[in-house]
């Protein structure tokens, strides 16, 4: 059974269909990279998986359970499926430690004392032990993005979604964030990420999905999609993206 499965997912905004019958399976521990031009539906698809956007049709399954049925409490799902965005969304009036502790204290019902050893270990794991008491404006973009990842991991999710998390970073900071994703992959985290980092996707992903106009036009192992793309649209996109 896949860890995550999408069947015929359709999402519309008014007359515009943004996700047009998407089928996708993600196995436990897999990293799936969504690639495609801006506006192809990558970010919306991630928001649908996390239930930030309701779907019009189709179904989304987590461990075989339909999490897209109307009336389901989305908070219980979001505790299991973490999401990190390109904007860090850290509270400026809280230091890094307070930012990370806020959601798990509320959702997991733990006290600060109960949570602190676990959170401090996460900060140490991602090279941020000396930055826990810094405020967001005292951190580089790469450090803020790593804090945002730590914040999502503090919820102990089973699946992580990443939406273009390096696109707002200076080029010299991109590598430190991608290294965090490689570490998570080695530790067996199931991940779906939208990315423009083609070199990273080619090297690190287990599966590539090329989206065009809200559909997965082509999918498969990186060596197949990058090495022998079947569709002309895929070929044209990769020719531009790999320049």
Protein backbone atom coordinates (compact mmCIF):
# COMPACT_ATOMS: atom_id res chain seq x y z
CA UNK A 1 0.00 0.00 0.00
CA UNK A 2 1.39 3.44 -0.90
CA UNK A 3 1.99 5.88 1.93
CA UNK A 4 0.21 8.57 -0.07
CA UNK A 5 -2.07 8.14 -3.07
CA UNK A 6 -3.99 10.59 -5.22
CA UNK A 7 -6.76 9.38 -7.50
CA UNK A 8 -8.25 11.70 -10.12
CA UNK A 9 -7.73 14.85 -8.06
CA UNK A 10 -9.43 17.91 -9.53
CA UNK A 11 -9.09 21.43 -8.14
CA UNK A 12 -10.70 24.50 -9.70
CA UNK A 13 -10.56 28.18 -8.94
CA UNK A 14 -13.69 29.56 -10.59
CA UNK A 15 -13.61 28.53 -14.24
CA UNK A 16 -9.92 27.65 -14.12
CA UNK A 17 -8.96 24.00 -13.55
CA UNK A 18 -5.59 24.01 -11.74
CA UNK A 19 -5.33 20.28 -11.01
CA UNK A 20 -6.95 18.24 -13.76
CA UNK A 21 -7.41 14.61 -12.76
CA UNK A 22 -4.07 13.96 -11.05
CA UNK A 23 -3.08 10.39 -10.15
CA UNK A 24 0.01 9.94 -8.00
CA UNK A 25 1.41 7.28 -5.68
CA UNK A 26 4.17 7.91 -3.15
CA UNK A 27 5.67 4.96 -1.33
CA UNK A 28 7.02 5.05 2.21
CA UNK A 29 10.43 6.76 2.27
CA UNK A 30 10.22 7.98 -1.33
CA UNK A 31 11.18 11.46 -2.49
CA UNK A 32 8.96 12.63 -5.34
CA UNK A 33 9.89 15.85 -7.14
CA UNK A 34 7.25 17.84 -9.00
CA UNK A 35 8.70 19.88 -11.84
CA UNK A 36 7.14 22.13 -14.43
CA UNK A 37 6.69 25.77 -15.36
CA UNK A 38 5.22 28.29 -12.94
CA UNK A 39 1.44 27.97 -12.99
CA UNK A 40 1.47 24.28 -13.89
CA UNK A 41 -0.29 23.29 -10.64
CA UNK A 42 2.61 22.12 -8.45
CA UNK A 43 1.95 24.38 -5.46
CA UNK A 44 -1.81 23.91 -5.59
CA UNK A 45 -1.36 20.14 -5.64
CA UNK A 46 0.73 20.29 -2.46
CA UNK A 47 -1.87 22.51 -0.78
CA UNK A 48 -4.58 20.00 -1.71
CA UNK A 49 -2.59 17.13 -0.17
CA UNK A 50 -2.25 19.13 3.06
CA UNK A 51 -5.99 20.00 2.93
CA UNK A 52 -5.26 23.72 2.71
CA UNK A 53 -7.39 23.63 -0.45
CA UNK A 54 -10.53 21.47 -0.80
CA UNK A 55 -10.71 19.38 -3.96
CA UNK A 56 -13.66 19.29 -6.35
CA UNK A 57 -13.32 15.64 -7.29
CA UNK A 58 -11.11 12.60 -6.77
CA UNK A 59 -9.62 11.29 -3.54
CA UNK A 60 -6.46 11.56 -1.46
CA UNK A 61 -5.39 8.59 0.65
CA UNK A 62 -2.90 8.49 3.53
CA UNK A 63 -2.06 4.91 4.53
CA UNK A 64 -5.20 3.82 2.70
CA UNK A 65 -7.51 6.24 4.54
CA UNK A 66 -9.41 8.79 2.46
CA UNK A 67 -8.39 12.13 3.98
CA UNK A 68 -10.25 14.21 1.39
CA UNK A 69 -13.78 13.33 2.50
CA UNK A 70 -15.87 16.38 3.46
CA UNK A 71 -16.13 17.04 7.18
CA UNK A 72 -12.83 15.46 8.15
CA UNK A 73 -10.90 17.52 10.70
CA UNK A 74 -7.98 18.93 8.68
CA UNK A 75 -5.87 19.56 11.79
CA UNK A 76 -5.52 15.84 12.46
CA UNK A 77 -4.25 15.37 8.89
CA UNK A 78 -1.89 18.37 9.03
CA UNK A 79 -0.28 16.89 12.13
CA UNK A 80 0.66 13.90 9.94
CA UNK A 81 1.51 15.81 6.74
CA UNK A 82 3.86 18.75 7.26
CA UNK A 83 4.34 21.49 4.68
CA UNK A 84 7.08 24.09 4.23
CA UNK A 85 6.66 27.05 1.89
CA UNK A 86 9.11 29.28 0.02
CA UNK A 87 8.27 32.14 2.41
CA UNK A 88 9.49 31.19 5.86
CA UNK A 89 6.36 32.42 7.72
CA UNK A 90 8.21 32.76 11.02
CA UNK A 91 6.67 35.03 13.65
CA UNK A 92 9.04 38.02 13.89
CA UNK A 93 8.27 38.68 17.59
CA UNK A 94 9.28 35.12 18.60
CA UNK A 95 12.76 33.64 18.63
CA UNK A 96 13.49 30.47 16.67
CA UNK A 97 12.82 28.16 19.63
CA UNK A 98 9.47 29.81 20.37
CA UNK A 99 8.48 29.63 16.68
CA UNK A 100 9.18 25.90 16.61
CA UNK A 101 7.44 25.12 19.90
CA UNK A 102 4.21 26.99 19.24
CA UNK A 103 2.30 24.45 17.10
CA UNK A 104 3.38 21.21 18.84
CA UNK A 105 2.53 22.68 22.24
CA UNK A 106 -0.97 23.48 21.01
CA UNK A 107 -1.62 20.42 18.84
CA UNK A 108 0.33 17.71 20.69
CA UNK A 109 -0.61 19.13 24.08
CA UNK A 110 2.91 19.05 25.48
CA UNK A 111 4.41 21.47 27.99
CA UNK A 112 7.46 23.52 27.14
CA UNK A 113 9.56 21.39 29.50
CA UNK A 114 8.34 18.16 27.88
CA UNK A 115 9.00 19.43 24.37
CA UNK A 116 12.28 21.27 24.84
CA UNK A 117 14.74 18.31 24.77
CA UNK A 118 13.19 16.99 21.54
CA UNK A 119 13.19 20.42 19.87
CA UNK A 120 16.74 21.21 20.97
CA UNK A 121 17.83 17.91 19.42
CA UNK A 122 16.18 18.95 16.14
CA UNK A 123 18.00 22.29 16.17
CA UNK A 124 21.29 20.49 16.79
CA UNK A 125 20.58 17.98 14.02
CA UNK A 126 20.24 20.75 11.45
CA UNK A 127 23.20 22.84 12.59
CA UNK A 128 21.13 25.46 14.41
CA UNK A 129 21.97 24.76 18.06
CA UNK A 130 23.57 28.19 18.45
CA UNK A 131 20.65 29.96 16.76
CA UNK A 132 17.71 28.81 18.90
CA UNK A 133 17.38 32.12 20.74
CA UNK A 134 17.85 34.33 17.67
CA UNK A 135 14.91 36.21 16.20
CA UNK A 136 14.11 35.76 12.50
CA UNK A 137 15.69 39.09 11.52
CA UNK A 138 18.94 37.87 13.10
CA UNK A 139 19.05 34.80 10.84
CA UNK A 140 20.08 34.40 7.20
CA UNK A 141 17.49 33.24 4.69
CA UNK A 142 18.96 29.74 4.72
CA UNK A 143 18.83 29.61 8.51
CA UNK A 144 15.23 30.85 8.54
CA UNK A 145 14.25 28.16 6.04
CA UNK A 146 15.95 25.49 8.15
CA UNK A 147 14.04 26.76 11.21
CA UNK A 148 10.82 26.46 9.18
CA UNK A 149 11.73 22.84 8.38
CA UNK A 150 12.51 22.15 12.05
CA UNK A 151 9.13 23.67 12.96
CA UNK A 152 7.35 21.25 10.62
CA UNK A 153 9.37 18.27 11.89
CA UNK A 154 8.53 19.13 15.52
CA UNK A 155 4.99 17.97 14.73
CA UNK A 156 6.46 14.49 14.03
CA UNK A 157 4.86 14.23 10.57
CA UNK A 158 4.78 11.04 8.52
CA UNK A 159 4.99 12.92 5.20
CA UNK A 160 6.69 16.22 4.36
CA UNK A 161 5.71 18.56 1.52
CA UNK A 162 8.08 21.25 0.28
CA UNK A 163 6.89 24.06 -1.98
CA UNK A 164 9.80 25.71 -3.85
CA UNK A 165 11.62 26.15 -0.55
CA UNK A 166 14.84 27.41 -2.14
CA UNK A 167 13.35 29.89 -4.61
CA UNK A 168 13.47 32.86 -2.22
CA UNK A 169 17.08 32.18 -1.16
CA UNK A 170 20.31 33.70 -2.38
CA UNK A 171 22.13 31.14 -4.56
CA UNK A 172 24.89 30.60 -1.99
CA UNK A 173 22.29 29.57 0.64
CA UNK A 174 20.43 27.02 -1.50
CA UNK A 175 22.88 24.20 -0.84
CA UNK A 176 22.51 24.25 2.93
CA UNK A 177 18.73 23.79 2.64
CA UNK A 178 19.02 21.02 0.02
CA UNK A 179 21.49 19.24 2.33
CA UNK A 180 18.72 19.14 4.96
CA UNK A 181 16.44 17.38 2.46
CA UNK A 182 19.14 14.82 1.68
CA UNK A 183 19.51 14.16 5.39
CA UNK A 184 15.75 13.63 5.74
CA UNK A 185 15.80 11.27 2.76
CA UNK A 186 18.55 9.17 4.35
CA UNK A 187 16.45 9.00 7.52
CA UNK A 188 13.51 7.59 5.55
CA UNK A 189 11.14 10.56 5.47
CA UNK A 190 8.45 10.39 2.79
CA UNK A 191 8.62 13.64 0.81
CA UNK A 192 6.89 15.40 -2.07
CA UNK A 193 8.52 18.60 -3.27
CA UNK A 194 7.88 21.17 -5.96
CA UNK A 195 11.22 22.45 -7.18
CA UNK A 196 13.07 24.31 -9.87
CA UNK A 197 16.37 22.78 -8.71
CA UNK A 198 16.74 20.36 -11.62
CA UNK A 199 20.20 19.12 -10.66
CA UNK A 200 19.01 18.23 -7.17
CA UNK A 201 15.85 16.55 -8.49
CA UNK A 202 17.87 14.50 -10.95
CA UNK A 203 20.29 13.29 -8.28
CA UNK A 204 18.07 12.90 -5.23
CA UNK A 205 14.52 12.03 -6.31
CA UNK A 206 13.11 8.53 -6.56
CA UNK A 207 10.38 9.73 -8.91
CA UNK A 208 9.95 12.81 -11.11
CA UNK A 209 6.53 14.13 -12.12
CA UNK A 210 6.40 16.76 -14.86
CA UNK A 211 3.26 18.88 -14.59
CA UNK A 212 1.78 20.86 -17.44
CA UNK A 213 -1.57 22.68 -17.32
CA UNK A 214 -2.61 20.87 -14.16
CA UNK A 215 -1.82 17.36 -15.39
CA UNK A 216 1.07 15.00 -14.81
CA UNK A 217 2.21 14.80 -18.40
CA UNK A 218 5.12 12.51 -17.68
CA UNK A 219 6.45 10.65 -14.66
CA UNK A 220 9.01 8.07 -13.70
CA UNK A 221 12.56 7.64 -12.39
CA UNK A 222 14.87 10.65 -12.92
CA UNK A 223 17.00 8.81 -15.45
CA UNK A 224 13.91 8.22 -17.61
CA UNK A 225 12.29 11.66 -17.38
CA UNK A 226 15.56 13.59 -17.69
CA UNK A 227 17.38 11.15 -19.94
CA UNK A 228 14.63 10.17 -22.35
CA UNK A 229 11.55 12.41 -22.05
CA UNK A 230 8.71 11.24 -24.30
CA UNK A 231 6.63 14.39 -24.70
CA UNK A 232 7.70 17.42 -26.69
CA UNK A 233 6.48 19.71 -23.90
CA UNK A 234 8.72 17.90 -21.41
CA UNK A 235 11.64 18.06 -23.82
CA UNK A 236 11.16 21.82 -24.34
CA UNK A 237 10.86 22.50 -20.61
CA UNK A 238 13.99 20.52 -19.74
CA UNK A 239 15.94 22.15 -22.57
CA UNK A 240 15.21 25.53 -20.98
CA UNK A 241 15.58 24.41 -17.35
CA UNK A 242 18.89 22.57 -17.82
CA UNK A 243 20.68 25.39 -19.68
